Amino acid sequence: MPKNAFSLPRLVAIAALVIVALPAFATSQRTFVASSGNDTNPCTIVAPCRGFSAAIAATLSNGEIIVLDSAGYGGVTINKPLSIIAPAGVYAGVSVFSGNDGITVSAGATDRVVLRGITVNGQGGAYGIRVTSGGEIHIEDCTVANMQESGILVEGGSAVHIARTVVRSSFNSGVLVLPAAAVAITVTVADSILTSNGNMGFWAITTAGGTLETAVTRVTSSANGSTGFRAEAIDAAGSVAMALVDSISTKNQLQGVAAGGMDTTVMVSGSSLVRNGGPDLYQSGAAVLRSTGNNALSGRGVADISGTVTTHPLK
């Protein structure tokens, strides 16, 4: 072998090529963000990142991003399966400024995404949490407020589950389920509060042939500018089904619960629909509004029901 085969200049050149080929930081199954972090860090617990975007880049698919302390962590687009978790007692904020959305979930068809303990606050921004695609999306223990459009918009994804979440004071609706295409989406909302939004508290609507299956359980929808809970299919190819169970709709400016449009079915059971500005139960068009007969209405001397309510038997 020639003497200069591994001379110092050659070794330096090889080392440089190796360094260039390596990523800045290897990805990890669990990463961390903190108020004192830096986005040039490797997002470890001893060297955390500062924002969610940098942490996502450093997190493996199906991994977790953990918030270590209270701070704002910036808007983000999630394009792979992972969880962002802020433990109880830690404030993980996302401020949403004009022309932007807060957290966008744009993941793969089988990806699972979890958002837990995050506060999204509008500062002129459009949507707080926007789901455009994904497999199973979980929004848990979150607060979304002050958006210029809706607090939570569901346009896609196979199944979206919202639990123990407050959505308030947005210009349009609290939770808006509006498929962007002819897709099938299951949406559940449980143990949550939808209040003081400018339009609906919860609104499931198809305009592009989508199929929506929605279930709302132990949810309070109050003081919204229109209806507490509304379901409607306004295109002939779409369908919407909603089960409303053990929930409250009160002090909304129009109806308590509304079923409208074409292929729409709403079933109401064990719920209190009181002190709304219009009828507590409202049916229009070809929609079917079913009641199990164990719901409490206002009984205020004006029409509590508008349209046809179909008996839904208890068995």
Protein backbone atom coordinates (compact mmCIF):
# COMPACT_ATOMS: atom_id res chain seq x y z
CA MET A 1 0.00 0.00 0.00
CA PRO A 2 1.42 3.44 -0.86
CA LYS A 3 2.51 5.46 2.13
CA ASN A 4 0.19 8.33 1.32
CA ALA A 5 -2.99 6.20 0.91
CA PHE A 6 -4.29 7.46 4.27
CA SER A 7 -2.36 10.70 4.57
CA LEU A 8 -3.70 13.47 6.80
CA PRO A 9 -5.25 15.53 3.94
CA ARG A 10 -7.11 12.47 2.65
CA LEU A 11 -8.41 11.58 6.11
CA VAL A 12 -9.68 15.14 6.58
CA ALA A 13 -11.50 14.99 3.26
CA ILE A 14 -13.13 11.64 4.14
CA ALA A 15 -14.21 12.96 7.53
CA ALA A 16 -15.78 16.01 5.89
CA LEU A 17 -17.80 13.82 3.53
CA VAL A 18 -19.05 11.71 6.42
CA ILE A 19 -20.12 14.80 8.39
CA VAL A 20 -22.01 16.21 5.40
CA ALA A 21 -23.81 12.89 4.91
CA LEU A 22 -25.05 12.78 8.50
CA PRO A 23 -28.21 14.63 9.63
CA ALA A 24 -27.81 17.45 12.15
CA PHE A 25 -29.50 15.33 14.82
CA ALA A 26 -30.82 11.82 14.78
CA THR A 27 -34.54 11.45 15.34
CA SER A 28 -35.82 10.05 18.62
CA GLN A 29 -38.93 8.27 19.82
CA ARG A 30 -39.46 10.89 22.55
CA THR A 31 -38.47 14.55 22.27
CA PHE A 32 -38.91 17.60 24.51
CA VAL A 33 -39.64 21.34 24.24
CA ALA A 34 -39.12 23.99 26.91
CA SER A 35 -39.20 27.76 27.39
CA SER A 36 -35.41 27.73 27.73
CA GLY A 37 -34.90 25.47 24.74
CA ASN A 38 -33.22 26.16 21.43
CA ASP A 39 -34.29 24.83 18.04
CA THR A 40 -30.68 23.94 17.24
CA ASN A 41 -30.70 21.49 20.16
CA PRO A 42 -31.35 17.75 19.65
CA CYS A 43 -34.69 18.04 21.55
CA THR A 44 -33.57 15.76 24.39
CA ILE A 45 -34.69 16.27 27.98
CA VAL A 46 -31.34 17.90 28.84
CA ALA A 47 -31.17 19.90 25.59
CA PRO A 48 -34.79 20.59 24.59
CA CYS A 49 -36.01 22.43 21.53
CA ARG A 50 -37.90 25.71 21.75
CA GLY A 51 -40.86 25.08 19.40
CA PHE A 52 -43.11 22.34 18.13
CA SER A 53 -41.86 22.57 14.52
CA ALA A 54 -38.29 21.72 15.40
CA ALA A 55 -39.43 18.92 17.70
CA ILE A 56 -41.55 17.32 14.98
CA ALA A 57 -38.53 17.18 12.69
CA ALA A 58 -36.57 15.42 15.45
CA THR A 59 -39.31 12.92 16.37
CA LEU A 60 -39.76 9.47 14.88
CA SER A 61 -43.13 8.39 13.52
CA ASN A 62 -45.41 7.27 16.37
CA GLY A 63 -43.23 9.17 18.79
CA GLU A 64 -44.07 11.76 21.45
CA ILE A 65 -43.27 15.42 21.99
CA ILE A 66 -43.41 16.35 25.69
CA VAL A 67 -43.80 19.94 26.94
CA LEU A 68 -41.55 20.52 29.97
CA ASP A 69 -42.78 23.93 31.19
CA SER A 70 -45.23 26.75 30.47
CA ALA A 71 -44.62 28.88 27.38
CA GLY A 72 -45.82 29.53 23.84
CA TYR A 73 -44.58 26.92 21.38
CA GLY A 74 -45.77 28.14 17.99
CA GLY A 75 -48.13 26.94 15.28
CA VAL A 76 -47.30 23.78 13.42
CA THR A 77 -48.31 21.39 10.65
CA ILE A 78 -48.27 17.71 11.65
CA ASN A 79 -47.56 15.41 8.72
CA LYS A 80 -46.83 12.11 10.44
CA PRO A 81 -48.15 9.99 13.32
CA LEU A 82 -47.13 11.41 16.70
CA SER A 83 -48.39 12.87 19.97
CA ILE A 84 -47.88 16.35 21.42
CA ILE A 85 -48.48 16.22 25.18
CA ALA A 86 -48.54 18.98 27.78
CA PRO A 87 -48.93 17.48 31.27
CA ALA A 88 -51.55 18.83 33.68
CA GLY A 89 -50.41 22.13 35.19
CA VAL A 90 -48.25 23.07 32.21
CA TYR A 91 -49.46 25.80 29.82
CA ALA A 92 -48.55 24.97 26.22
CA GLY A 93 -49.73 27.89 24.12
CA VAL A 94 -50.12 28.45 20.40
CA SER A 95 -50.91 32.01 19.28
CA VAL A 96 -52.54 32.25 15.86
CA PHE A 97 -51.97 35.46 13.95
CA SER A 98 -53.74 36.86 10.89
CA GLY A 99 -53.56 34.68 7.79
CA ASN A 100 -52.58 31.56 9.69
CA ASP A 101 -54.07 28.50 11.35
CA GLY A 102 -52.84 27.23 14.70
CA ILE A 103 -52.29 23.48 14.42
CA THR A 104 -52.91 21.75 11.09
CA VAL A 105 -53.10 17.97 10.98
CA SER A 106 -52.21 16.82 7.47
CA ALA A 107 -51.11 13.25 8.10
CA GLY A 108 -51.31 9.94 6.26
CA ALA A 109 -54.45 7.88 5.89
CA THR A 110 -53.50 5.45 8.67
CA ASP A 111 -51.63 7.87 10.94
CA ARG A 112 -52.67 8.47 14.55
CA VAL A 113 -52.17 12.00 15.92
CA VAL A 114 -52.77 13.03 19.54
CA LEU A 115 -52.98 16.62 20.83
CA ARG A 116 -53.27 16.83 24.61
CA GLY A 117 -53.29 19.81 26.95
CA ILE A 118 -52.70 22.55 24.34
CA THR A 119 -54.20 26.06 24.44
CA VAL A 120 -54.76 27.71 21.05
CA ASN A 121 -55.51 31.43 21.18
CA GLY A 122 -56.53 33.49 18.17
CA GLN A 123 -54.78 36.78 17.48
CA GLY A 124 -56.54 37.38 14.16
CA GLY A 125 -55.91 33.83 12.87
CA ALA A 126 -58.45 31.72 10.99
CA TYR A 127 -58.76 28.23 12.54
CA GLY A 128 -57.38 26.98 15.84
CA ILE A 129 -57.06 23.28 14.98
CA ARG A 130 -57.60 22.20 11.37
CA VAL A 131 -57.74 18.54 10.35
CA THR A 132 -57.28 18.05 6.61
CA SER A 133 -56.20 14.40 6.56
CA GLY A 134 -55.18 11.56 8.83
CA GLY A 135 -56.31 8.29 10.26
CA GLU A 136 -57.25 8.66 13.93
CA ILE A 137 -57.04 12.14 15.45
CA HIS A 138 -57.43 12.74 19.21
CA ILE A 139 -57.90 16.25 20.64
CA GLU A 140 -57.90 15.97 24.43
CA ASP A 141 -57.92 18.49 27.30
CA CYS A 142 -57.41 21.42 24.95
CA THR A 143 -58.75 24.99 24.84
CA VAL A 144 -59.37 26.80 21.56
CA ALA A 145 -60.53 30.43 21.64
CA ASN A 146 -60.93 33.69 19.73
CA MET A 147 -60.54 32.44 16.15
CA GLN A 148 -61.72 34.49 13.17
CA GLU A 149 -63.26 31.39 11.57
CA SER A 150 -64.02 28.26 13.62
CA GLY A 151 -62.24 26.87 16.64
CA ILE A 152 -61.88 23.34 15.28
CA LEU A 153 -62.39 22.55 11.58
CA VAL A 154 -62.62 18.93 10.41
CA GLU A 155 -62.23 18.63 6.63
CA GLY A 156 -60.76 15.15 6.45
CA GLY A 157 -59.40 12.24 8.45
CA SER A 158 -61.07 8.91 9.08
CA ALA A 159 -61.97 9.47 12.74
CA VAL A 160 -61.66 12.60 14.88
CA HIS A 161 -62.23 12.33 18.64
CA ILE A 162 -62.57 15.44 20.80
CA ALA A 163 -62.68 15.01 24.58
CA ARG A 164 -62.60 17.30 27.65
CA THR A 165 -62.06 20.34 25.45
CA VAL A 166 -63.34 23.93 25.58
CA VAL A 167 -64.02 25.76 22.31
CA ARG A 168 -65.19 29.35 22.81
CA SER A 169 -65.48 32.85 21.42
CA SER A 170 -64.74 32.15 17.76
CA PHE A 171 -66.37 34.26 15.05
CA ASN A 172 -67.93 31.28 13.25
CA SER A 173 -68.59 27.92 14.89
CA GLY A 174 -67.01 26.08 17.78
CA VAL A 175 -66.59 22.72 16.04
CA LEU A 176 -67.27 22.69 12.29
CA VAL A 177 -67.28 19.35 10.44
CA LEU A 178 -67.23 20.19 6.73
CA PRO A 179 -65.59 17.61 4.43
CA ALA A 180 -63.63 19.13 1.58
CA ALA A 181 -64.44 16.12 -0.63
CA ALA A 182 -66.67 13.03 -0.80
CA VAL A 183 -65.03 11.29 2.15
CA ALA A 184 -66.36 9.37 5.16
CA ILE A 185 -65.55 10.84 8.57
CA THR A 186 -66.50 9.75 12.08
CA VAL A 187 -66.45 12.52 14.68
CA THR A 188 -67.05 12.17 18.41
CA VAL A 189 -67.21 14.95 20.99
CA ALA A 190 -67.42 14.09 24.68
CA ASP A 191 -67.28 15.91 28.03
CA SER A 192 -66.65 19.28 26.37
CA ILE A 193 -67.94 22.87 26.34
CA LEU A 194 -68.79 24.88 23.20
CA THR A 195 -69.72 28.41 24.17
CA SER A 196 -70.01 32.00 22.98
CA ASN A 197 -69.17 31.25 19.35
CA GLY A 198 -70.66 33.51 16.70
CA ASN A 199 -72.51 30.80 14.78
CA MET A 200 -73.10 27.16 15.80
CA GLY A 201 -71.69 25.37 18.79
CA PHE A 202 -71.37 22.10 16.82
CA TRP A 203 -72.14 21.96 13.09
CA ALA A 204 -71.84 18.86 10.87
CA ILE A 205 -72.58 19.65 7.22
CA THR A 206 -71.87 18.09 3.83
CA THR A 207 -71.62 20.06 0.62
CA ALA A 208 -69.40 17.75 -1.47
CA GLY A 209 -70.93 14.29 -1.04
CA GLY A 210 -69.31 13.37 2.24
CA THR A 211 -70.61 10.81 4.73
CA LEU A 212 -70.57 12.00 8.35
CA GLU A 213 -71.21 9.86 11.41
CA THR A 214 -71.15 12.01 14.55
CA ALA A 215 -71.73 11.28 18.23
CA VAL A 216 -71.96 14.00 20.89
CA THR A 217 -72.03 12.92 24.54
CA ARG A 218 -72.10 15.02 27.73
CA VAL A 219 -71.41 18.26 25.85
CA THR A 220 -72.70 21.71 26.81
CA SER A 221 -73.36 24.12 23.93
CA SER A 222 -74.36 27.52 25.24
CA ALA A 223 -74.68 31.20 24.31
CA ASN A 224 -73.74 30.64 20.68
CA GLY A 225 -74.95 33.08 18.01
CA SER A 226 -77.06 30.52 16.17
CA THR A 227 -77.77 26.87 17.07
CA GLY A 228 -76.35 24.64 19.78
CA PHE A 229 -76.06 21.47 17.69
CA ARG A 230 -76.87 21.29 13.96
CA ALA A 231 -76.60 18.53 11.34
CA GLU A 232 -77.46 18.89 7.65
CA ALA A 233 -76.72 17.34 4.29
CA ILE A 234 -77.35 19.98 1.67
CA ASP A 235 -76.11 18.00 -1.34
CA ALA A 236 -77.95 14.99 -2.71
CA ALA A 237 -74.90 12.70 -2.53
CA GLY A 238 -74.03 13.45 1.09
CA SER A 239 -75.39 12.13 4.39
CA VAL A 240 -75.11 13.19 8.01
CA ALA A 241 -76.03 11.25 11.15
CA MET A 242 -75.76 12.66 14.66
CA ALA A 243 -76.47 11.07 18.03
CA LEU A 244 -76.82 13.62 20.84
CA VAL A 245 -76.81 12.00 24.28
CA ASP A 246 -76.82 13.41 27.84
CA SER A 247 -75.99 16.91 26.61
CA ILE A 248 -77.14 20.51 27.22
CA SER A 249 -78.10 23.17 24.70
CA THR A 250 -79.02 26.45 26.35
CA LYS A 251 -79.19 30.20 25.70
CA ASN A 252 -78.30 29.85 22.03
CA GLN A 253 -79.83 32.61 19.93
CA LEU A 254 -81.72 30.27 17.60
CA GLN A 255 -82.42 26.54 17.99
CA GLY A 256 -81.25 24.08 20.58
CA VAL A 257 -80.88 21.12 18.17
CA ALA A 258 -81.51 21.30 14.42
CA ALA A 259 -81.76 18.70 11.66
CA GLY A 260 -81.99 20.04 8.12
CA GLY A 261 -81.34 19.31 4.49
CA MET A 262 -81.67 15.97 2.72
CA ASP A 263 -80.19 12.69 4.00
CA THR A 264 -79.87 13.78 7.62
CA THR A 265 -80.79 11.89 10.78
CA VAL A 266 -80.46 13.29 14.30
CA MET A 267 -81.28 11.28 17.42
CA VAL A 268 -81.59 13.08 20.77
CA SER A 269 -81.64 11.24 24.11
CA GLY A 270 -81.43 12.26 27.76
CA SER A 271 -80.59 15.88 26.96
CA SER A 272 -81.70 19.27 28.31
CA LEU A 273 -82.62 21.77 25.59
CA VAL A 274 -83.75 24.90 27.38
CA ARG A 275 -83.93 28.68 27.16
CA ASN A 276 -82.86 28.92 23.52
CA GLY A 277 -84.07 31.86 21.45
CA GLY A 278 -85.97 29.65 19.01
CA PRO A 279 -87.38 26.11 19.13
CA ASP A 280 -85.44 23.67 21.27
CA LEU A 281 -85.99 20.97 18.62
CA TYR A 282 -86.03 22.07 14.97
CA GLN A 283 -86.58 19.89 11.89
CA SER A 284 -86.69 21.06 8.28
CA GLY A 285 -86.59 19.65 4.75
CA ALA A 286 -86.29 15.89 4.38
CA ALA A 287 -84.21 15.54 7.55
CA VAL A 288 -85.31 13.13 10.28
CA LEU A 289 -85.22 14.34 13.89
CA ARG A 290 -85.74 11.53 16.38
CA SER A 291 -86.35 11.88 20.12
CA THR A 292 -86.37 9.14 22.72
CA GLY A 293 -88.94 11.09 24.75
CA ASN A 294 -86.69 11.60 27.76
CA ASN A 295 -85.41 15.07 26.86
CA ALA A 296 -86.17 18.25 28.84
CA LEU A 297 -87.48 21.21 26.82
CA SER A 298 -88.12 24.78 27.93
CA GLY A 299 -91.90 24.59 28.40
CA ARG A 300 -92.06 28.38 28.17
CA GLY A 301 -95.47 28.80 26.53
CA VAL A 302 -94.08 29.22 22.99
CA ALA A 303 -93.25 26.53 20.46
CA ASP A 304 -90.51 24.31 21.81
CA ILE A 305 -90.68 22.17 18.66
CA SER A 306 -90.70 23.19 15.01
CA GLY A 307 -91.20 20.65 12.25
CA THR A 308 -91.71 16.93 12.75
CA VAL A 309 -90.16 14.99 15.61
CA THR A 310 -90.18 11.21 15.20
CA THR A 311 -90.42 8.92 18.23
CA HIS A 312 -87.28 6.93 18.83
CA PRO A 313 -88.19 4.04 21.14
CA LEU A 314 -86.30 3.16 24.29
CA LYS A 315 -85.63 -0.55 24.62
